[in-house]
């Protein structure tokens, strides 16, 4: 069961799962750019797992059909939890809990001490500002622009005014001493 909602420029849905072998019911995450073509994300890992055995949500979790509420830099999601597995009979008890997540933090990429690289799909530049949601515990986050097949002068890694040791949900990225933005690439 999934009720999709619009988030940014995509649809997101929380899928209520039922593992028939264990009768446990966690939640997985799915996204779509259009309402008809959905993909499960995060390697199909549980987005909201059930709690530990014996806890109030130890057998079942189900996120509200409402979209998350943005409060400051956190997303608030209310969910229903049950200590009894599906199909166990008897009187069901359920409770409501609150799960929080950093703004836009549904799925994350991580790299180790040796660093890493990521290349996005082609992105249409609709405004001059580029901002990142990232936690950088060590090292440095840098961005370069690739226009068609080449890196425009002044928009390489070396020119990037990236950031170090920061936890930001809206970190501006610029290039060079002039702090150039993406104005030349808009459209």
C-alpha atoms as a PDB file:
ATOM      1  CA  UNK A   1       0.000   0.000   0.000  1.00  0.00           C
ATOM      2  CA  UNK A   2       1.435   3.372  -0.982  1.00  0.00           C
ATOM      3  CA  UNK A   3       0.077   6.930  -1.140  1.00  0.00           C
ATOM      4  CA  UNK A   4       2.447   9.036  -3.288  1.00  0.00           C
ATOM      5  CA  UNK A   5       3.127  12.722  -2.736  1.00  0.00           C
ATOM      6  CA  UNK A   6       5.027  15.424  -4.615  1.00  0.00           C
ATOM      7  CA  UNK A   7       8.422  16.340  -3.194  1.00  0.00           C
ATOM      8  CA  UNK A   8      10.548  18.788  -5.175  1.00  0.00           C
ATOM      9  CA  UNK A   9      10.469  17.688  -8.808  1.00  0.00           C
ATOM     10  CA  UNK A  10       9.517  14.071  -8.156  1.00  0.00           C
ATOM     11  CA  UNK A  11       7.008  11.796  -6.501  1.00  0.00           C
ATOM     12  CA  UNK A  12       7.865   9.881  -3.349  1.00  0.00           C
ATOM     13  CA  UNK A  13       5.980   7.005  -1.789  1.00  0.00           C
ATOM     14  CA  UNK A  14       6.356   4.902   1.334  1.00  0.00           C
ATOM     15  CA  UNK A  15       5.629   1.243   0.545  1.00  0.00           C
ATOM     16  CA  UNK A  16       4.105  -0.804   3.356  1.00  0.00           C
ATOM     17  CA  UNK A  17       5.801  -4.206   3.144  1.00  0.00           C
ATOM     18  CA  UNK A  18       4.839  -7.583   4.594  1.00  0.00           C
ATOM     19  CA  UNK A  19       7.506 -10.263   4.905  1.00  0.00           C
ATOM     20  CA  UNK A  20       5.488 -13.469   4.775  1.00  0.00           C
ATOM     21  CA  UNK A  21       8.180 -15.589   6.458  1.00  0.00           C
ATOM     22  CA  UNK A  22       8.310 -13.373   9.563  1.00  0.00           C
ATOM     23  CA  UNK A  23       4.949 -11.564   9.318  1.00  0.00           C
ATOM     24  CA  UNK A  24       6.834  -8.309   9.996  1.00  0.00           C
ATOM     25  CA  UNK A  25       5.834  -5.075   8.260  1.00  0.00           C
ATOM     26  CA  UNK A  26       8.549  -2.458   7.617  1.00  0.00           C
ATOM     27  CA  UNK A  27       8.419   0.424   5.105  1.00  0.00           C
ATOM     28  CA  UNK A  28      10.470   0.850   1.912  1.00  0.00           C
ATOM     29  CA  UNK A  29      10.949   3.994  -0.187  1.00  0.00           C
ATOM     30  CA  UNK A  30      10.041   4.520  -3.850  1.00  0.00           C
ATOM     31  CA  UNK A  31      10.412   7.494  -6.207  1.00  0.00           C
ATOM     32  CA  UNK A  32       9.211   8.466  -9.670  1.00  0.00           C
ATOM     33  CA  UNK A  33       9.798  11.362 -12.039  1.00  0.00           C
ATOM     34  CA  UNK A  34       6.350  10.714 -13.484  1.00  0.00           C
ATOM     35  CA  UNK A  35       3.466   9.022 -11.704  1.00  0.00           C
ATOM     36  CA  UNK A  36       3.680   5.826 -13.788  1.00  0.00           C
ATOM     37  CA  UNK A  37       7.348   4.689 -13.562  1.00  0.00           C
ATOM     38  CA  UNK A  38       8.390   3.921  -9.986  1.00  0.00           C
ATOM     39  CA  UNK A  39      11.707   2.665  -8.616  1.00  0.00           C
ATOM     40  CA  UNK A  40      12.563   1.464  -5.152  1.00  0.00           C
ATOM     41  CA  UNK A  41      15.593   3.301  -3.822  1.00  0.00           C
ATOM     42  CA  UNK A  42      18.266   2.723  -1.225  1.00  0.00           C
ATOM     43  CA  UNK A  43      18.983  -0.803  -2.505  1.00  0.00           C
ATOM     44  CA  UNK A  44      15.497  -1.821  -1.329  1.00  0.00           C
ATOM     45  CA  UNK A  45      16.659  -1.490   2.267  1.00  0.00           C
ATOM     46  CA  UNK A  46      14.052  -0.722   4.874  1.00  0.00           C
ATOM     47  CA  UNK A  47      13.401   3.001   5.090  1.00  0.00           C
ATOM     48  CA  UNK A  48      11.496   2.647   8.360  1.00  0.00           C
ATOM     49  CA  UNK A  49      12.246  -0.740   9.920  1.00  0.00           C
ATOM     50  CA  UNK A  50      10.244  -2.246  12.724  1.00  0.00           C
ATOM     51  CA  UNK A  51      11.580  -1.676  16.236  1.00  0.00           C
ATOM     52  CA  UNK A  52      13.349  -4.267  18.388  1.00  0.00           C
ATOM     53  CA  UNK A  53      11.345  -7.339  19.539  1.00  0.00           C
ATOM     54  CA  UNK A  54       8.955  -6.461  22.343  1.00  0.00           C
ATOM     55  CA  UNK A  55       8.895  -2.727  21.578  1.00  0.00           C
ATOM     56  CA  UNK A  56       5.704  -0.828  20.780  1.00  0.00           C
ATOM     57  CA  UNK A  57       6.628  -0.923  17.056  1.00  0.00           C
ATOM     58  CA  UNK A  58       8.481  -4.248  17.123  1.00  0.00           C
ATOM     59  CA  UNK A  59       6.437  -5.967  14.436  1.00  0.00           C
ATOM     60  CA  UNK A  60       4.763  -3.361  12.278  1.00  0.00           C
ATOM     61  CA  UNK A  61       5.431   0.195  11.076  1.00  0.00           C
ATOM     62  CA  UNK A  62       3.327   2.228   8.696  1.00  0.00           C
ATOM     63  CA  UNK A  63       4.005   5.854   7.735  1.00  0.00           C
ATOM     64  CA  UNK A  64       1.064   8.235   7.521  1.00  0.00           C
ATOM     65  CA  UNK A  65      -0.305   8.909   4.052  1.00  0.00           C
ATOM     66  CA  UNK A  66       0.435  12.609   4.602  1.00  0.00           C
ATOM     67  CA  UNK A  67       3.672  14.054   3.195  1.00  0.00           C
ATOM     68  CA  UNK A  68       6.403  14.809   5.733  1.00  0.00           C
ATOM     69  CA  UNK A  69       6.212  18.184   7.471  1.00  0.00           C
ATOM     70  CA  UNK A  70       9.286  20.420   7.150  1.00  0.00           C
ATOM     71  CA  UNK A  71      10.186  21.926  10.544  1.00  0.00           C
ATOM     72  CA  UNK A  72      13.388  23.972  10.294  1.00  0.00           C
ATOM     73  CA  UNK A  73      15.935  21.629   8.666  1.00  0.00           C
ATOM     74  CA  UNK A  74      14.114  18.428   9.677  1.00  0.00           C
ATOM     75  CA  UNK A  75      11.322  16.398   8.128  1.00  0.00           C
ATOM     76  CA  UNK A  76       8.715  15.073  10.578  1.00  0.00           C
ATOM     77  CA  UNK A  77       6.895  11.860   9.671  1.00  0.00           C
ATOM     78  CA  UNK A  78       4.228  10.346  11.882  1.00  0.00           C
ATOM     79  CA  UNK A  79       3.870   6.598  11.814  1.00  0.00           C
ATOM     80  CA  UNK A  80       1.801   3.819  13.289  1.00  0.00           C
ATOM     81  CA  UNK A  81       3.562   0.983  15.099  1.00  0.00           C
ATOM     82  CA  UNK A  82       2.377  -2.339  16.509  1.00  0.00           C
ATOM     83  CA  UNK A  83       4.051  -4.923  18.720  1.00  0.00           C
ATOM     84  CA  UNK A  84       2.090  -7.806  17.154  1.00  0.00           C
ATOM     85  CA  UNK A  85       3.006  -9.373  13.833  1.00  0.00           C
ATOM     86  CA  UNK A  86       0.463  -9.445  11.037  1.00  0.00           C
ATOM     87  CA  UNK A  87      -1.877 -12.405  11.282  1.00  0.00           C
ATOM     88  CA  UNK A  88      -1.107 -13.261  14.915  1.00  0.00           C
ATOM     89  CA  UNK A  89      -4.707 -12.832  16.055  1.00  0.00           C
ATOM     90  CA  UNK A  90      -5.872 -11.381  19.305  1.00  0.00           C
ATOM     91  CA  UNK A  91      -6.458  -7.761  20.111  1.00  0.00           C
ATOM     92  CA  UNK A  92      -4.193  -5.390  18.191  1.00  0.00           C
ATOM     93  CA  UNK A  93      -2.611  -2.502  20.024  1.00  0.00           C
ATOM     94  CA  UNK A  94      -1.102   0.307  18.029  1.00  0.00           C
ATOM     95  CA  UNK A  95       0.631   3.561  18.841  1.00  0.00           C
ATOM     96  CA  UNK A  96       1.707   6.652  16.951  1.00  0.00           C
ATOM     97  CA  UNK A  97       5.357   7.658  16.771  1.00  0.00           C
ATOM     98  CA  UNK A  98       7.387  10.419  15.184  1.00  0.00           C
ATOM     99  CA  UNK A  99      10.346   9.731  12.896  1.00  0.00           C
ATOM    100  CA  UNK A 100      12.616  12.625  11.925  1.00  0.00           C
ATOM    101  CA  UNK A 101      14.982  13.012   9.018  1.00  0.00           C
ATOM    102  CA  UNK A 102      17.291  15.789   7.860  1.00  0.00           C
ATOM    103  CA  UNK A 103      15.775  17.969   5.114  1.00  0.00           C
ATOM    104  CA  UNK A 104      15.924  16.122   1.760  1.00  0.00           C
ATOM    105  CA  UNK A 105      17.700  13.220   3.504  1.00  0.00           C
ATOM    106  CA  UNK A 106      15.669  10.296   2.197  1.00  0.00           C
ATOM    107  CA  UNK A 107      18.685   8.505   0.692  1.00  0.00           C
ATOM    108  CA  UNK A 108      22.376   9.361   0.972  1.00  0.00           C
ATOM    109  CA  UNK A 109      25.644   8.531  -0.722  1.00  0.00           C
ATOM    110  CA  UNK A 110      28.627   7.918   1.532  1.00  0.00           C
ATOM    111  CA  UNK A 111      32.331   7.690   0.915  1.00  0.00           C
ATOM    112  CA  UNK A 112      35.143   6.541   3.129  1.00  0.00           C
ATOM    113  CA  UNK A 113      38.321   8.243   4.248  1.00  0.00           C
ATOM    114  CA  UNK A 114      39.874   7.793   0.803  1.00  0.00           C
ATOM    115  CA  UNK A 115      37.092   9.899  -0.783  1.00  0.00           C
ATOM    116  CA  UNK A 116      34.854   9.293  -3.734  1.00  0.00           C
ATOM    117  CA  UNK A 117      33.278  10.765  -6.843  1.00  0.00           C
ATOM    118  CA  UNK A 118      29.736  11.055  -8.064  1.00  0.00           C
ATOM    119  CA  UNK A 119      28.456  12.131 -11.471  1.00  0.00           C
ATOM    120  CA  UNK A 120      24.812  13.104 -11.886  1.00  0.00           C
ATOM    121  CA  UNK A 121      22.628  12.616 -14.888  1.00  0.00           C
ATOM    122  CA  UNK A 122      22.247  15.663 -17.095  1.00  0.00           C
ATOM    123  CA  UNK A 123      20.571  18.469 -15.146  1.00  0.00           C
ATOM    124  CA  UNK A 124      18.764  21.433 -16.674  1.00  0.00           C
ATOM    125  CA  UNK A 125      20.055  24.580 -14.980  1.00  0.00           C
ATOM    126  CA  UNK A 126      16.964  26.636 -14.144  1.00  0.00           C
ATOM    127  CA  UNK A 127      18.589  29.200 -11.846  1.00  0.00           C
ATOM    128  CA  UNK A 128      22.021  30.612 -11.061  1.00  0.00           C
ATOM    129  CA  UNK A 129      22.397  29.121  -7.578  1.00  0.00           C
ATOM    130  CA  UNK A 130      23.703  25.622  -6.848  1.00  0.00           C
ATOM    131  CA  UNK A 131      23.243  24.350  -3.309  1.00  0.00           C
ATOM    132  CA  UNK A 132      24.139  21.024  -1.715  1.00  0.00           C
ATOM    133  CA  UNK A 133      22.772  19.058   1.208  1.00  0.00           C
ATOM    134  CA  UNK A 134      25.827  17.335   2.650  1.00  0.00           C
ATOM    135  CA  UNK A 135      27.735  16.330   5.735  1.00  0.00           C
ATOM    136  CA  UNK A 136      31.481  16.542   5.270  1.00  0.00           C
ATOM    137  CA  UNK A 137      33.269  15.092   8.309  1.00  0.00           C
ATOM    138  CA  UNK A 138      36.736  15.132   6.730  1.00  0.00           C
ATOM    139  CA  UNK A 139      38.164  16.078   3.379  1.00  0.00           C
ATOM    140  CA  UNK A 140      36.529  18.554   1.041  1.00  0.00           C
ATOM    141  CA  UNK A 141      33.434  18.668  -1.172  1.00  0.00           C
ATOM    142  CA  UNK A 142      34.113  20.112  -4.626  1.00  0.00           C
ATOM    143  CA  UNK A 143      31.960  20.415  -7.742  1.00  0.00           C
ATOM    144  CA  UNK A 144      32.818  20.852 -11.404  1.00  0.00           C
ATOM    145  CA  UNK A 145      30.524  21.646 -14.304  1.00  0.00           C
ATOM    146  CA  UNK A 146      30.553  19.610 -17.493  1.00  0.00           C
ATOM    147  CA  UNK A 147      28.864  21.436 -20.381  1.00  0.00           C
ATOM    148  CA  UNK A 148      28.152  18.846 -23.069  1.00  0.00           C
ATOM    149  CA  UNK A 149      31.533  17.046 -23.028  1.00  0.00           C
ATOM    150  CA  UNK A 150      33.999  19.575 -21.607  1.00  0.00           C
ATOM    151  CA  UNK A 151      34.632  21.492 -18.388  1.00  0.00           C
ATOM    152  CA  UNK A 152      34.221  25.239 -19.004  1.00  0.00           C
ATOM    153  CA  UNK A 153      37.194  27.356 -17.931  1.00  0.00           C
ATOM    154  CA  UNK A 154      36.905  28.381 -14.291  1.00  0.00           C
ATOM    155  CA  UNK A 155      34.318  25.717 -13.413  1.00  0.00           C
ATOM    156  CA  UNK A 156      36.726  22.876 -12.576  1.00  0.00           C
ATOM    157  CA  UNK A 157      37.436  21.229  -9.213  1.00  0.00           C
ATOM    158  CA  UNK A 158      40.430  23.485  -8.556  1.00  0.00           C
ATOM    159  CA  UNK A 159      38.327  26.651  -8.973  1.00  0.00           C
ATOM    160  CA  UNK A 160      35.458  25.379  -6.840  1.00  0.00           C
ATOM    161  CA  UNK A 161      34.892  27.142  -3.522  1.00  0.00           C
ATOM    162  CA  UNK A 162      33.659  23.923  -1.963  1.00  0.00           C
ATOM    163  CA  UNK A 163      33.430  23.310   1.733  1.00  0.00           C
ATOM    164  CA  UNK A 164      35.151  21.360   4.494  1.00  0.00           C
ATOM    165  CA  UNK A 165      33.950  19.950   7.794  1.00  0.00           C
ATOM    166  CA  UNK A 166      30.388  21.172   7.438  1.00  0.00           C
ATOM    167  CA  UNK A 167      26.877  19.861   7.970  1.00  0.00           C
ATOM    168  CA  UNK A 168      24.585  21.909   5.765  1.00  0.00           C
ATOM    169  CA  UNK A 169      21.235  21.371   4.105  1.00  0.00           C
ATOM    170  CA  UNK A 170      21.616  24.411   1.827  1.00  0.00           C
ATOM    171  CA  UNK A 171      25.340  24.988   1.152  1.00  0.00           C
ATOM    172  CA  UNK A 172      25.972  27.404  -1.764  1.00  0.00           C
ATOM    173  CA  UNK A 173      28.617  26.373  -4.290  1.00  0.00           C
ATOM    174  CA  UNK A 174      30.582  28.984  -6.248  1.00  0.00           C
ATOM    175  CA  UNK A 175      33.770  29.089  -8.325  1.00  0.00           C
ATOM    176  CA  UNK A 176      36.831  31.367  -8.213  1.00  0.00           C
ATOM    177  CA  UNK A 177      37.644  34.496  -6.249  1.00  0.00           C
ATOM    178  CA  UNK A 178      34.694  36.187  -7.969  1.00  0.00           C
ATOM    179  CA  UNK A 179      32.396  33.512  -6.505  1.00  0.00           C
ATOM    180  CA  UNK A 180      30.861  32.789  -9.914  1.00  0.00           C
ATOM    181  CA  UNK A 181      27.531  30.970  -9.951  1.00  0.00           C
ATOM    182  CA  UNK A 182      25.753  29.033 -12.708  1.00  0.00           C
ATOM    183  CA  UNK A 183      24.434  32.107 -14.563  1.00  0.00           C
ATOM    184  CA  UNK A 184      26.222  31.220 -17.860  1.00  0.00           C
ATOM    185  CA  UNK A 185      24.461  27.834 -17.924  1.00  0.00           C
ATOM    186  CA  UNK A 186      20.876  28.836 -17.105  1.00  0.00           C
ATOM    187  CA  UNK A 187      18.539  27.371 -19.715  1.00  0.00           C
END
